[in-house]
């Protein structure tokens, strides 16, 4: 699904302005569901615009329609009297929306960046476990996962939602997307990407392949199984489970939590080497009682993503 795009075109013949309204920061064009701003430099024929075509043409981005995308571009071409298909893509968002079995927050909080991937994990403070970002250090690329149903409820009207085919208001939807701030650098070895190329089969496959590759840079934590008996539910066991749950939310593994515990003990001058050793043994005895789900991880979105990409 192609979502937001930002494109730039240099038109030596200039741009037709009669079908546009003058806006504060440029010119305005009205689509069926949204009005966009177009920045036009009449001196050199430079045209720049950014939009989510699906929002503009159908009022939402829960589904993607290739023909509707093309129709939207044609409307702009006719209004401006220029060939926007030859415009250079300067920014691109590509992703999929998946109907999932459990709450979106359960999937989002289970995902973290793998070590050595040079990603900085972040999320909206006002929307904890509802939206999470992974940004590269050079800021040219980032990934985003969020509650797509909540996003739809906040940004669309009841009339628009009722028009969406196969949309179930009671279902859970998660979106995973890749944001390319310099797509030519990330996807095309520094060569410009033209708008028309995005809809060719080869580029469609390339975007799908890269979305899967980017998802593989994340790992999915597993939830611990509940205690089997009272012996596994002592005060120490329950405290460790709380520590483990909190650590998992931060993307920490059991090994990392154990290392932090050991480091804390080393900083305590009251504890001798034997004291620390006995406490480490006790900590490991509690740790060993916690079992995790085996087999397929229920929060892994790989199959969901593959299934959604096949429908594109």
Protein backbone atom coordinates (compact mmCIF):
# COMPACT_ATOMS: atom_id res chain seq x y z
CA UNK A 1 0.00 0.00 0.00
CA UNK A 2 1.44 3.32 -1.11
CA UNK A 3 0.40 5.86 1.50
CA UNK A 4 1.99 9.29 1.75
CA UNK A 5 4.18 10.48 -1.12
CA UNK A 6 5.99 13.74 -1.78
CA UNK A 7 6.92 14.48 -5.38
CA UNK A 8 8.73 17.22 -7.29
CA UNK A 9 8.55 18.05 -11.00
CA UNK A 10 10.25 20.73 -13.10
CA UNK A 11 7.96 21.79 -15.94
CA UNK A 12 9.64 24.02 -18.56
CA UNK A 13 6.22 24.96 -19.99
CA UNK A 14 4.98 26.18 -16.61
CA UNK A 15 1.84 25.21 -14.72
CA UNK A 16 -1.84 25.89 -15.37
CA UNK A 17 -3.24 27.71 -12.32
CA UNK A 18 -6.87 28.43 -13.23
CA UNK A 19 -8.23 25.31 -11.52
CA UNK A 20 -6.34 26.06 -8.31
CA UNK A 21 -7.11 28.35 -5.39
CA UNK A 22 -4.49 30.60 -3.91
CA UNK A 23 -3.52 29.43 -0.44
CA UNK A 24 -1.35 30.73 2.36
CA UNK A 25 1.65 28.57 1.46
CA UNK A 26 0.96 27.87 -2.20
CA UNK A 27 -1.99 26.76 -4.27
CA UNK A 28 -4.89 24.55 -3.19
CA UNK A 29 -6.46 21.68 -5.10
CA UNK A 30 -9.66 19.99 -3.95
CA UNK A 31 -9.93 16.20 -4.27
CA UNK A 32 -13.22 14.38 -3.57
CA UNK A 33 -12.30 13.91 0.10
CA UNK A 34 -9.40 16.22 0.85
CA UNK A 35 -7.78 19.47 -0.17
CA UNK A 36 -4.01 19.54 -0.69
CA UNK A 37 -1.42 22.29 -0.88
CA UNK A 38 0.77 22.56 -3.99
CA UNK A 39 3.95 24.63 -3.88
CA UNK A 40 4.65 26.19 -7.27
CA UNK A 41 7.69 28.25 -8.17
CA UNK A 42 6.56 29.95 -11.37
CA UNK A 43 10.03 31.31 -12.12
CA UNK A 44 11.54 27.89 -12.78
CA UNK A 45 8.42 25.75 -13.18
CA UNK A 46 9.05 23.76 -10.00
CA UNK A 47 6.02 21.93 -8.61
CA UNK A 48 6.05 20.15 -5.24
CA UNK A 49 3.24 18.40 -3.43
CA UNK A 50 2.72 15.80 -0.74
CA UNK A 51 -0.40 13.74 -0.22
CA UNK A 52 -1.94 10.41 0.68
CA UNK A 53 -3.85 9.61 -2.49
CA UNK A 54 -6.14 7.13 -0.77
CA UNK A 55 -7.23 9.73 1.78
CA UNK A 56 -7.77 12.21 -1.04
CA UNK A 57 -9.78 9.90 -3.26
CA UNK A 58 -11.70 7.67 -0.83
CA UNK A 59 -11.41 9.40 2.55
CA UNK A 60 -9.34 6.70 4.27
CA UNK A 61 -6.25 4.52 3.84
CA UNK A 62 -7.55 1.24 5.24
CA UNK A 63 -7.55 -0.18 1.72
CA UNK A 64 -5.51 0.55 -1.41
CA UNK A 65 -6.96 0.79 -4.90
CA UNK A 66 -4.39 0.98 -7.71
CA UNK A 67 -6.92 2.27 -10.26
CA UNK A 68 -8.14 4.94 -7.84
CA UNK A 69 -4.53 6.01 -7.25
CA UNK A 70 -4.01 6.37 -11.00
CA UNK A 71 -7.26 8.30 -11.36
CA UNK A 72 -6.13 10.75 -8.67
CA UNK A 73 -2.84 11.37 -10.47
CA UNK A 74 -4.70 11.93 -13.75
CA UNK A 75 -6.94 14.51 -12.08
CA UNK A 76 -3.87 16.43 -10.96
CA UNK A 77 -2.24 16.15 -14.38
CA UNK A 78 -5.36 17.56 -16.04
CA UNK A 79 -5.70 20.38 -13.49
CA UNK A 80 -2.06 21.48 -13.77
CA UNK A 81 -1.55 20.63 -17.45
CA UNK A 82 1.68 18.77 -16.64
CA UNK A 83 2.80 15.13 -16.65
CA UNK A 84 3.18 14.30 -12.96
CA UNK A 85 3.96 10.67 -13.78
CA UNK A 86 7.48 11.89 -14.56
CA UNK A 87 7.78 13.61 -11.16
CA UNK A 88 10.61 12.55 -8.84
CA UNK A 89 9.55 10.79 -5.64
CA UNK A 90 11.21 12.61 -2.74
CA UNK A 91 9.44 10.89 0.15
CA UNK A 92 7.46 7.66 0.37
CA UNK A 93 5.47 5.62 2.86
CA UNK A 94 4.68 2.01 2.06
CA UNK A 95 2.97 -0.46 4.36
CA UNK A 96 0.15 -2.90 5.04
CA UNK A 97 -2.89 -2.97 7.30
CA UNK A 98 -3.68 -6.32 8.87
CA UNK A 99 -6.75 -7.62 10.66
CA UNK A 100 -5.34 -9.38 13.73
CA UNK A 101 -6.74 -11.67 16.41
CA UNK A 102 -5.70 -9.79 19.54
CA UNK A 103 -5.57 -6.16 20.58
CA UNK A 104 -3.14 -3.97 18.59
CA UNK A 105 -1.36 -2.92 21.80
CA UNK A 106 -0.42 -6.57 22.47
CA UNK A 107 1.40 -6.78 19.13
CA UNK A 108 2.97 -3.34 19.36
CA UNK A 109 4.43 -3.76 22.84
CA UNK A 110 5.89 -7.15 21.86
CA UNK A 111 8.01 -5.69 19.04
CA UNK A 112 11.50 -4.27 19.55
CA UNK A 113 14.53 -3.63 17.39
CA UNK A 114 17.16 -6.33 17.21
CA UNK A 115 20.63 -5.55 18.57
CA UNK A 116 23.09 -3.93 16.14
CA UNK A 117 20.34 -2.71 13.82
CA UNK A 118 21.15 0.94 14.62
CA UNK A 119 17.51 1.74 15.29
CA UNK A 120 16.21 4.10 17.94
CA UNK A 121 12.90 2.96 19.41
CA UNK A 122 10.32 5.57 20.29
CA UNK A 123 6.59 5.89 20.81
CA UNK A 124 4.00 8.57 21.39
CA UNK A 125 3.80 9.33 25.10
CA UNK A 126 0.08 10.04 24.84
CA UNK A 127 -0.54 6.80 22.97
CA UNK A 128 1.54 4.18 24.80
CA UNK A 129 1.52 0.80 23.06
CA UNK A 130 -0.75 2.33 20.44
CA UNK A 131 1.98 3.64 18.14
CA UNK A 132 5.69 2.82 18.03
CA UNK A 133 8.54 4.07 15.82
CA UNK A 134 11.96 2.70 14.97
CA UNK A 135 14.22 5.36 13.49
CA UNK A 136 17.61 4.93 11.89
CA UNK A 137 20.39 7.01 13.34
CA UNK A 138 20.80 8.97 10.09
CA UNK A 139 17.03 9.77 10.15
CA UNK A 140 16.62 8.93 6.45
CA UNK A 141 14.40 5.97 7.22
CA UNK A 142 12.08 4.77 9.94
CA UNK A 143 9.42 2.15 10.59
CA UNK A 144 6.10 2.62 12.27
CA UNK A 145 3.53 0.27 13.80
CA UNK A 146 0.21 1.51 15.09
CA UNK A 147 -3.41 0.80 15.93
CA UNK A 148 -5.04 1.23 12.52
CA UNK A 149 -8.61 0.97 13.81
CA UNK A 150 -8.06 3.76 16.32
CA UNK A 151 -6.42 5.88 13.63
CA UNK A 152 -9.41 5.30 11.34
CA UNK A 153 -11.88 6.26 14.09
CA UNK A 154 -10.00 9.49 14.80
CA UNK A 155 -9.50 10.63 11.20
CA UNK A 156 -12.68 9.61 9.38
CA UNK A 157 -16.41 10.13 9.63
CA UNK A 158 -19.01 7.46 10.24
CA UNK A 159 -20.17 7.93 6.66
CA UNK A 160 -16.70 7.12 5.32
CA UNK A 161 -16.25 4.11 7.61
CA UNK A 162 -19.61 2.68 6.62
CA UNK A 163 -18.54 2.81 2.96
CA UNK A 164 -15.45 0.62 3.46
CA UNK A 165 -15.93 -2.87 2.09
CA UNK A 166 -15.15 -5.76 4.47
CA UNK A 167 -14.43 -3.38 7.35
CA UNK A 168 -15.57 -4.70 10.73
CA UNK A 169 -15.75 -2.02 13.43
CA UNK A 170 -15.41 -4.70 16.11
CA UNK A 171 -12.19 -6.16 14.67
CA UNK A 172 -8.59 -5.27 15.47
CA UNK A 173 -6.32 -3.75 12.83
CA UNK A 174 -2.57 -3.11 12.95
CA UNK A 175 -0.55 -1.19 10.39
CA UNK A 176 3.15 -1.68 9.75
CA UNK A 177 4.84 0.73 7.37
CA UNK A 178 8.21 1.88 6.13
CA UNK A 179 8.92 5.61 5.77
CA UNK A 180 11.58 6.58 3.23
CA UNK A 181 12.67 10.21 3.52
CA UNK A 182 15.18 9.67 0.72
CA UNK A 183 13.73 6.71 -1.23
CA UNK A 184 16.22 7.06 -4.08
CA UNK A 185 19.03 6.48 -1.57
CA UNK A 186 17.34 3.64 0.35
CA UNK A 187 15.78 1.80 -2.57
CA UNK A 188 17.47 2.77 -5.84
CA UNK A 189 21.21 3.23 -5.19
CA UNK A 190 20.96 7.00 -5.36
CA UNK A 191 19.08 7.14 -8.68
CA UNK A 192 15.85 9.12 -8.90
CA UNK A 193 12.57 7.20 -8.65
CA UNK A 194 9.79 8.52 -10.88
CA UNK A 195 6.16 8.38 -9.84
CA UNK A 196 5.06 6.06 -12.66
CA UNK A 197 7.67 3.49 -11.61
CA UNK A 198 5.98 2.90 -8.27
CA UNK A 199 3.04 1.23 -10.03
CA UNK A 200 5.10 -1.08 -12.24
CA UNK A 201 5.22 -4.78 -11.25
CA UNK A 202 8.98 -4.72 -10.64
CA UNK A 203 8.77 -1.79 -8.23
CA UNK A 204 5.70 -3.23 -6.53
CA UNK A 205 7.71 -6.38 -5.82
CA UNK A 206 10.70 -4.34 -4.65
CA UNK A 207 8.63 -2.39 -2.13
CA UNK A 208 7.00 -5.55 -0.81
CA UNK A 209 10.34 -7.31 -0.47
CA UNK A 210 11.89 -4.39 1.36
CA UNK A 211 8.95 -4.12 3.77
CA UNK A 212 9.49 -7.74 4.79
CA UNK A 213 13.24 -7.20 5.10
CA UNK A 214 12.68 -4.17 7.32
CA UNK A 215 10.29 -6.14 9.52
CA UNK A 216 13.01 -8.75 10.03
CA UNK A 217 15.05 -6.05 11.79
CA UNK A 218 12.61 -6.38 14.69
CA UNK A 219 12.22 -9.21 17.15
CA UNK A 220 9.09 -10.31 18.99
CA UNK A 221 9.12 -11.02 22.71
CA UNK A 222 7.25 -13.98 24.13
CA UNK A 223 4.88 -13.74 27.07
CA UNK A 224 5.69 -15.91 30.13
CA UNK A 225 3.21 -18.63 30.95
CA UNK A 226 1.27 -18.23 34.22
CA UNK A 227 2.46 -20.07 37.37
CA UNK A 228 1.46 -23.75 37.49
CA UNK A 229 1.17 -23.92 41.26
CA UNK A 230 1.67 -21.96 44.49
CA UNK A 231 5.37 -22.90 44.60
CA UNK A 232 5.83 -20.88 41.41
CA UNK A 233 3.88 -17.94 42.84
CA UNK A 234 5.94 -16.93 45.86
CA UNK A 235 6.57 -13.26 46.59
CA UNK A 236 9.99 -13.50 44.89
CA UNK A 237 8.49 -15.22 41.84
CA UNK A 238 5.77 -12.61 41.43
CA UNK A 239 8.26 -9.75 41.81
CA UNK A 240 10.49 -11.29 39.17
CA UNK A 241 7.53 -11.71 36.81
CA UNK A 242 6.73 -8.03 37.25
CA UNK A 243 10.37 -7.15 36.58
CA UNK A 244 10.36 -9.39 33.50
CA UNK A 245 7.15 -7.87 32.14
CA UNK A 246 8.51 -4.35 32.61
CA UNK A 247 11.81 -5.33 30.99
CA UNK A 248 10.04 -6.90 28.01
CA UNK A 249 8.12 -3.68 27.45
CA UNK A 250 11.50 -1.95 27.14
CA UNK A 251 12.76 -4.61 24.74
CA UNK A 252 15.05 -6.35 27.22
CA UNK A 253 15.77 -10.07 27.24
CA UNK A 254 16.03 -12.31 30.31
CA UNK A 255 19.81 -12.25 29.95
CA UNK A 256 19.88 -8.44 29.94
CA UNK A 257 17.64 -8.30 33.02
CA UNK A 258 19.92 -10.75 34.82
CA UNK A 259 23.00 -8.68 33.92
CA UNK A 260 21.35 -5.53 35.28
CA UNK A 261 20.49 -7.35 38.50
CA UNK A 262 24.09 -8.53 38.91
CA UNK A 263 25.40 -5.03 38.17
CA UNK A 264 23.15 -3.60 40.88
CA UNK A 265 24.53 -6.06 43.42
CA UNK A 266 28.12 -5.17 42.54
CA UNK A 267 27.35 -1.54 43.32
CA UNK A 268 26.21 -2.41 46.85
CA UNK A 269 29.25 -2.21 49.22
CA UNK A 270 27.41 -4.11 51.96
CA UNK A 271 27.50 -7.35 49.98
CA UNK A 272 30.54 -9.59 50.00
CA UNK A 273 31.43 -11.89 47.10
CA UNK A 274 29.70 -14.80 48.89
CA UNK A 275 26.63 -12.64 49.53
CA UNK A 276 26.38 -11.79 45.86
CA UNK A 277 26.90 -15.41 44.84
CA UNK A 278 24.10 -16.65 47.10
CA UNK A 279 21.73 -13.99 45.77
CA UNK A 280 22.62 -14.86 42.19
CA UNK A 281 21.79 -18.49 42.90
CA UNK A 282 18.45 -17.43 44.37
CA UNK A 283 17.74 -15.17 41.40
CA UNK A 284 18.47 -17.97 38.92
CA UNK A 285 16.22 -20.36 40.87
CA UNK A 286 13.33 -17.92 40.47
CA UNK A 287 14.24 -17.27 36.85
CA UNK A 288 14.27 -20.98 36.02
CA UNK A 289 10.64 -21.39 37.14
CA UNK A 290 9.34 -19.03 34.46
CA UNK A 291 8.32 -20.81 31.28
CA UNK A 292 7.51 -19.15 27.97
CA UNK A 293 5.18 -20.06 25.14
CA UNK A 294 6.74 -22.54 22.75
CA UNK A 295 6.35 -22.93 19.03
CA UNK A 296 5.03 -20.14 16.84
CA UNK A 297 5.01 -16.72 18.48
CA UNK A 298 1.42 -15.48 18.38
CA UNK A 299 2.57 -11.86 18.12
CA UNK A 300 4.79 -12.43 15.08
CA UNK A 301 3.26 -10.52 12.16
CA UNK A 302 5.30 -12.14 9.37
CA UNK A 303 2.47 -14.27 7.99
CA UNK A 304 -0.01 -11.41 8.35
CA UNK A 305 2.29 -9.13 6.35
CA UNK A 306 2.85 -11.74 3.60
CA UNK A 307 -0.89 -12.35 3.34
CA UNK A 308 -1.65 -8.62 3.13
CA UNK A 309 1.05 -8.06 0.48
CA UNK A 310 -0.43 -10.81 -1.71
CA UNK A 311 -3.71 -8.91 -1.79
CA UNK A 312 -2.05 -5.76 -3.14
